[in-house]
Amino acid sequence: EPMSKRQRKKLLKQKQWEEQKDLRRQKRKEKRQKRKLERQSQPAPGQDGSVGKRLRREAVPSALRLVVDCSFDHLMVLKDVKKLHKQIQRCYAENRKAFHPVQ
């Protein structure tokens, strides 16, 4: 059965993709190793005066308290609940980094 030009192109691309799979995997592996070596060669944060991760004891707790009420989730569509979940995760992450984290 004759193939259309589009089908032949698609088949050719699929074959090339499969043939180059090992090459892509090897490149990713080399890239990971290179990054690992670079990280090992760099001094630990804070030893050379650079600003790395801030130590937790530098944080001064704030007197503010924050409450997120999620009791209305039954009124939301699943998509909105997922968005709210991501927003709350982002808030927690930023609060961890903050100089005056709220409770």
N, C-alpha and C. Protein backbone atom coordinates (compact mmCIF):
# COMPACT_ATOMS: atom_id res chain seq x y z
N GLU A 1 0.85 -1.18 0.00
CA GLU A 1 0.00 0.00 0.00
C GLU A 1 0.89 1.23 0.00
N PRO A 2 0.69 2.13 -0.94
CA PRO A 2 1.55 3.32 -1.02
C PRO A 2 1.30 4.26 0.16
N MET A 3 2.41 4.87 0.60
CA MET A 3 2.34 5.82 1.71
C MET A 3 2.33 7.23 1.16
N SER A 4 1.67 8.09 1.89
CA SER A 4 1.70 9.50 1.49
C SER A 4 3.04 10.09 1.89
N LYS A 5 3.33 11.22 1.31
CA LYS A 5 4.60 11.89 1.58
C LYS A 5 4.71 12.25 3.07
N ARG A 6 3.62 12.68 3.64
CA ARG A 6 3.60 13.05 5.05
C ARG A 6 3.88 11.84 5.94
N GLN A 7 3.29 10.71 5.59
CA GLN A 7 3.52 9.49 6.36
C GLN A 7 4.98 9.03 6.27
N ARG A 8 5.56 9.14 5.06
CA ARG A 8 6.97 8.77 4.90
C ARG A 8 7.87 9.66 5.74
N LYS A 9 7.59 10.97 5.72
CA LYS A 9 8.39 11.90 6.52
C LYS A 9 8.27 11.56 8.01
N LYS A 10 7.07 11.28 8.42
CA LYS A 10 6.84 10.95 9.82
C LYS A 10 7.60 9.69 10.22
N LEU A 11 7.54 8.69 9.38
CA LEU A 11 8.24 7.43 9.62
C LEU A 11 9.75 7.64 9.66
N LEU A 12 10.27 8.45 8.74
CA LEU A 12 11.70 8.76 8.69
C LEU A 12 12.14 9.48 9.96
N LYS A 13 11.35 10.46 10.39
CA LYS A 13 11.69 11.18 11.62
C LYS A 13 11.68 10.24 12.83
N GLN A 14 10.71 9.35 12.87
CA GLN A 14 10.64 8.39 13.98
C GLN A 14 11.86 7.48 14.00
N LYS A 15 12.28 7.02 12.84
CA LYS A 15 13.48 6.17 12.78
C LYS A 15 14.72 6.93 13.24
N GLN A 16 14.86 8.17 12.78
CA GLN A 16 16.01 8.98 13.19
C GLN A 16 16.00 9.21 14.70
N TRP A 17 14.82 9.45 15.23
CA TRP A 17 14.68 9.67 16.67
C TRP A 17 15.14 8.43 17.45
N GLU A 18 14.70 7.28 17.00
CA GLU A 18 15.08 6.03 17.67
C GLU A 18 16.58 5.75 17.53
N GLU A 19 17.15 6.05 16.38
CA GLU A 19 18.58 5.81 16.17
C GLU A 19 19.44 6.72 17.03
N GLN A 20 18.97 7.92 17.29
CA GLN A 20 19.76 8.89 18.04
C GLN A 20 19.47 8.86 19.54
N LYS A 21 18.63 7.92 19.98
CA LYS A 21 18.25 7.84 21.39
C LYS A 21 19.47 7.63 22.28
N ASP A 22 20.33 6.69 21.91
CA ASP A 22 21.52 6.40 22.71
C ASP A 22 22.46 7.61 22.76
N LEU A 23 22.58 8.30 21.63
CA LEU A 23 23.44 9.48 21.58
C LEU A 23 22.92 10.57 22.52
N ARG A 24 21.60 10.80 22.51
CA ARG A 24 21.02 11.81 23.41
C ARG A 24 21.22 11.42 24.86
N ARG A 25 21.02 10.13 25.15
CA ARG A 25 21.20 9.64 26.52
C ARG A 25 22.64 9.87 26.98
N GLN A 26 23.60 9.58 26.10
CA GLN A 26 25.02 9.75 26.43
C GLN A 26 25.34 11.23 26.67
N LYS A 27 24.78 12.10 25.84
CA LYS A 27 25.02 13.55 26.02
C LYS A 27 24.47 14.02 27.36
N ARG A 28 23.26 13.56 27.71
CA ARG A 28 22.68 13.95 29.00
C ARG A 28 23.55 13.47 30.15
N LYS A 29 24.06 12.26 30.04
CA LYS A 29 24.92 11.69 31.08
C LYS A 29 26.19 12.51 31.24
N GLU A 30 26.82 12.88 30.10
CA GLU A 30 28.04 13.68 30.14
C GLU A 30 27.76 15.05 30.75
N LYS A 31 26.63 15.62 30.40
CA LYS A 31 26.27 16.94 30.93
C LYS A 31 26.08 16.88 32.44
N ARG A 32 25.41 15.81 32.92
CA ARG A 32 25.23 15.62 34.36
C ARG A 32 26.56 15.49 35.07
N GLN A 33 27.49 14.70 34.49
CA GLN A 33 28.80 14.51 35.11
C GLN A 33 29.59 15.81 35.14
N LYS A 34 29.47 16.58 34.07
CA LYS A 34 30.18 17.86 33.99
C LYS A 34 29.67 18.80 35.09
N ARG A 35 28.36 18.88 35.26
CA ARG A 35 27.79 19.73 36.30
C ARG A 35 28.22 19.25 37.68
N LYS A 36 28.27 17.94 37.86
CA LYS A 36 28.68 17.37 39.16
C LYS A 36 30.12 17.77 39.47
N LEU A 37 30.99 17.67 38.48
CA LEU A 37 32.39 18.05 38.67
C LEU A 37 32.52 19.54 38.97
N GLU A 38 31.74 20.36 38.28
CA GLU A 38 31.78 21.81 38.54
C GLU A 38 31.34 22.12 39.96
N ARG A 39 30.29 21.46 40.42
CA ARG A 39 29.82 21.68 41.79
C ARG A 39 30.86 21.25 42.81
N GLN A 40 31.54 20.13 42.54
CA GLN A 40 32.55 19.65 43.47
C GLN A 40 33.77 20.56 43.50
N SER A 41 34.08 21.18 42.37
CA SER A 41 35.26 22.03 42.31
C SER A 41 35.02 23.39 42.97
N GLN A 42 33.75 23.80 43.07
CA GLN A 42 33.44 25.08 43.70
C GLN A 42 33.50 24.93 45.21
N PRO A 43 33.98 25.95 45.92
CA PRO A 43 34.01 25.87 47.38
C PRO A 43 32.59 25.92 47.95
N ALA A 44 32.46 25.46 49.17
CA ALA A 44 31.15 25.45 49.82
C ALA A 44 30.66 26.88 50.01
N PRO A 45 29.35 27.12 49.96
CA PRO A 45 28.83 28.48 50.12
C PRO A 45 29.17 29.04 51.49
N GLY A 46 29.52 30.30 51.51
CA GLY A 46 29.84 30.97 52.76
C GLY A 46 31.31 30.93 53.12
N GLN A 47 32.10 30.05 52.54
CA GLN A 47 33.51 29.97 52.88
C GLN A 47 34.32 31.06 52.19
N ASP A 48 33.92 31.41 50.98
CA ASP A 48 34.69 32.42 50.25
C ASP A 48 34.00 33.78 50.30
N GLY A 49 33.02 33.93 51.18
CA GLY A 49 32.34 35.21 51.31
C GLY A 49 31.20 35.39 50.33
N SER A 50 30.96 34.43 49.47
CA SER A 50 29.87 34.55 48.53
C SER A 50 28.54 34.30 49.24
N VAL A 51 27.49 34.80 48.64
CA VAL A 51 26.18 34.63 49.23
C VAL A 51 25.59 33.33 48.70
N GLY A 52 25.49 32.36 49.57
CA GLY A 52 24.91 31.08 49.21
C GLY A 52 23.59 30.94 49.92
N LYS A 53 23.32 29.76 50.40
CA LYS A 53 22.10 29.57 51.18
C LYS A 53 22.26 30.27 52.52
N ARG A 54 21.23 30.96 52.91
CA ARG A 54 21.24 31.68 54.17
C ARG A 54 21.00 30.68 55.29
N LEU A 55 21.75 30.80 56.36
CA LEU A 55 21.56 29.90 57.48
C LEU A 55 20.23 30.21 58.16
N ARG A 56 19.59 29.18 58.65
CA ARG A 56 18.26 29.34 59.23
C ARG A 56 18.28 30.22 60.47
N ARG A 57 19.35 30.21 61.23
CA ARG A 57 19.40 31.00 62.47
C ARG A 57 19.41 32.50 62.20
N GLU A 58 19.68 32.92 60.97
CA GLU A 58 19.65 34.35 60.65
C GLU A 58 18.21 34.87 60.57
N ALA A 59 17.26 33.99 60.38
CA ALA A 59 15.87 34.40 60.25
C ALA A 59 15.33 34.85 61.60
N VAL A 60 14.65 35.99 61.59
CA VAL A 60 14.02 36.52 62.80
C VAL A 60 12.53 36.31 62.65
N PRO A 61 11.93 35.48 63.48
CA PRO A 61 10.49 35.21 63.33
C PRO A 61 9.66 36.47 63.48
N SER A 62 8.62 36.55 62.70
CA SER A 62 7.73 37.71 62.73
C SER A 62 6.62 37.45 63.74
N ALA A 63 6.04 38.52 64.26
CA ALA A 63 4.93 38.39 65.20
C ALA A 63 3.62 38.13 64.45
N LEU A 64 3.63 38.29 63.15
CA LEU A 64 2.43 38.07 62.35
C LEU A 64 2.11 36.59 62.23
N ARG A 65 0.83 36.31 62.19
CA ARG A 65 0.37 34.94 61.96
C ARG A 65 -0.52 34.98 60.72
N LEU A 66 -0.38 33.95 59.91
CA LEU A 66 -1.12 33.90 58.66
C LEU A 66 -1.96 32.63 58.61
N VAL A 67 -3.21 32.77 58.20
CA VAL A 67 -4.11 31.62 58.10
C VAL A 67 -4.65 31.57 56.68
N VAL A 68 -4.59 30.39 56.07
CA VAL A 68 -5.16 30.19 54.74
C VAL A 68 -6.35 29.26 54.91
N ASP A 69 -7.53 29.76 54.61
CA ASP A 69 -8.74 28.98 54.77
C ASP A 69 -9.06 28.26 53.46
N CYS A 70 -8.98 26.95 53.49
CA CYS A 70 -9.25 26.14 52.30
C CYS A 70 -10.57 25.39 52.42
N SER A 71 -11.48 25.87 53.25
CA SER A 71 -12.72 25.15 53.48
C SER A 71 -13.73 25.30 52.34
N PHE A 72 -13.44 26.18 51.37
CA PHE A 72 -14.36 26.38 50.26
C PHE A 72 -13.97 25.57 49.03
N ASP A 73 -13.08 24.61 49.20
CA ASP A 73 -12.62 23.84 48.05
C ASP A 73 -13.72 23.02 47.40
N HIS A 74 -14.75 22.67 48.14
CA HIS A 74 -15.85 21.91 47.55
C HIS A 74 -16.63 22.75 46.53
N LEU A 75 -16.47 24.07 46.58
CA LEU A 75 -17.15 24.94 45.63
C LEU A 75 -16.30 25.20 44.39
N MET A 76 -15.07 24.72 44.38
CA MET A 76 -14.15 24.98 43.27
C MET A 76 -14.10 23.81 42.31
N VAL A 77 -13.70 24.13 41.10
CA VAL A 77 -13.42 23.12 40.10
C VAL A 77 -12.05 22.54 40.43
N LEU A 78 -11.81 21.29 40.06
CA LEU A 78 -10.55 20.62 40.38
C LEU A 78 -9.35 21.44 39.88
N LYS A 79 -9.49 22.04 38.73
CA LYS A 79 -8.41 22.86 38.15
C LYS A 79 -8.05 24.02 39.08
N ASP A 80 -9.07 24.67 39.66
CA ASP A 80 -8.81 25.78 40.58
C ASP A 80 -8.19 25.31 41.89
N VAL A 81 -8.59 24.13 42.35
CA VAL A 81 -8.01 23.57 43.58
C VAL A 81 -6.52 23.32 43.36
N LYS A 82 -6.17 22.80 42.19
CA LYS A 82 -4.76 22.54 41.89
C LYS A 82 -3.97 23.84 41.84
N LYS A 83 -4.57 24.88 41.25
CA LYS A 83 -3.89 26.19 41.20
C LYS A 83 -3.68 26.74 42.61
N LEU A 84 -4.69 26.61 43.45
CA LEU A 84 -4.57 27.06 44.84
C LEU A 84 -3.47 26.30 45.56
N HIS A 85 -3.39 25.01 45.32
CA HIS A 85 -2.35 24.18 45.92
C HIS A 85 -0.97 24.69 45.54
N LYS A 86 -0.77 24.99 44.27
CA LYS A 86 0.53 25.50 43.81
C LYS A 86 0.84 26.85 44.43
N GLN A 87 -0.16 27.71 44.55
CA GLN A 87 0.06 29.02 45.16
C GLN A 87 0.47 28.89 46.62
N ILE A 88 -0.17 27.97 47.33
CA ILE A 88 0.18 27.77 48.74
C ILE A 88 1.58 27.21 48.86
N GLN A 89 1.94 26.29 47.98
CA GLN A 89 3.30 25.75 47.98
C GLN A 89 4.32 26.87 47.76
N ARG A 90 4.04 27.76 46.83
CA ARG A 90 4.94 28.87 46.54
C ARG A 90 5.06 29.78 47.76
N CYS A 91 3.95 30.02 48.46
CA CYS A 91 3.97 30.86 49.66
C CYS A 91 4.85 30.23 50.74
N TYR A 92 4.71 28.93 50.95
CA TYR A 92 5.54 28.25 51.93
C TYR A 92 7.03 28.35 51.57
N ALA A 93 7.33 28.17 50.29
CA ALA A 93 8.72 28.23 49.84
C ALA A 93 9.31 29.62 50.06
N GLU A 94 8.54 30.65 49.70
CA GLU A 94 9.02 32.02 49.88
C GLU A 94 9.14 32.35 51.37
N ASN A 95 8.24 31.85 52.17
CA ASN A 95 8.29 32.12 53.61
C ASN A 95 9.53 31.50 54.23
N ARG A 96 9.92 30.32 53.73
CA ARG A 96 11.14 29.68 54.23
C ARG A 96 12.36 30.54 53.94
N LYS A 97 12.37 31.23 52.80
CA LYS A 97 13.52 32.05 52.41
C LYS A 97 13.51 33.44 53.07
N ALA A 98 12.36 33.83 53.59
CA ALA A 98 12.18 35.20 54.08
C ALA A 98 13.06 35.47 55.32
N PHE A 99 13.46 36.74 55.49
CA PHE A 99 14.24 37.13 56.65
C PHE A 99 13.34 37.23 57.89
N HIS A 100 12.07 37.53 57.68
CA HIS A 100 11.10 37.58 58.78
C HIS A 100 9.92 36.66 58.44
N PRO A 101 10.11 35.35 58.56
CA PRO A 101 9.03 34.44 58.18
C PRO A 101 7.84 34.54 59.13
N VAL A 102 6.66 34.46 58.55
CA VAL A 102 5.43 34.49 59.36
C VAL A 102 5.05 33.07 59.74
N GLN A 103 4.22 32.97 60.77
CA GLN A 103 3.76 31.64 61.20
C GLN A 103 2.41 31.37 60.58
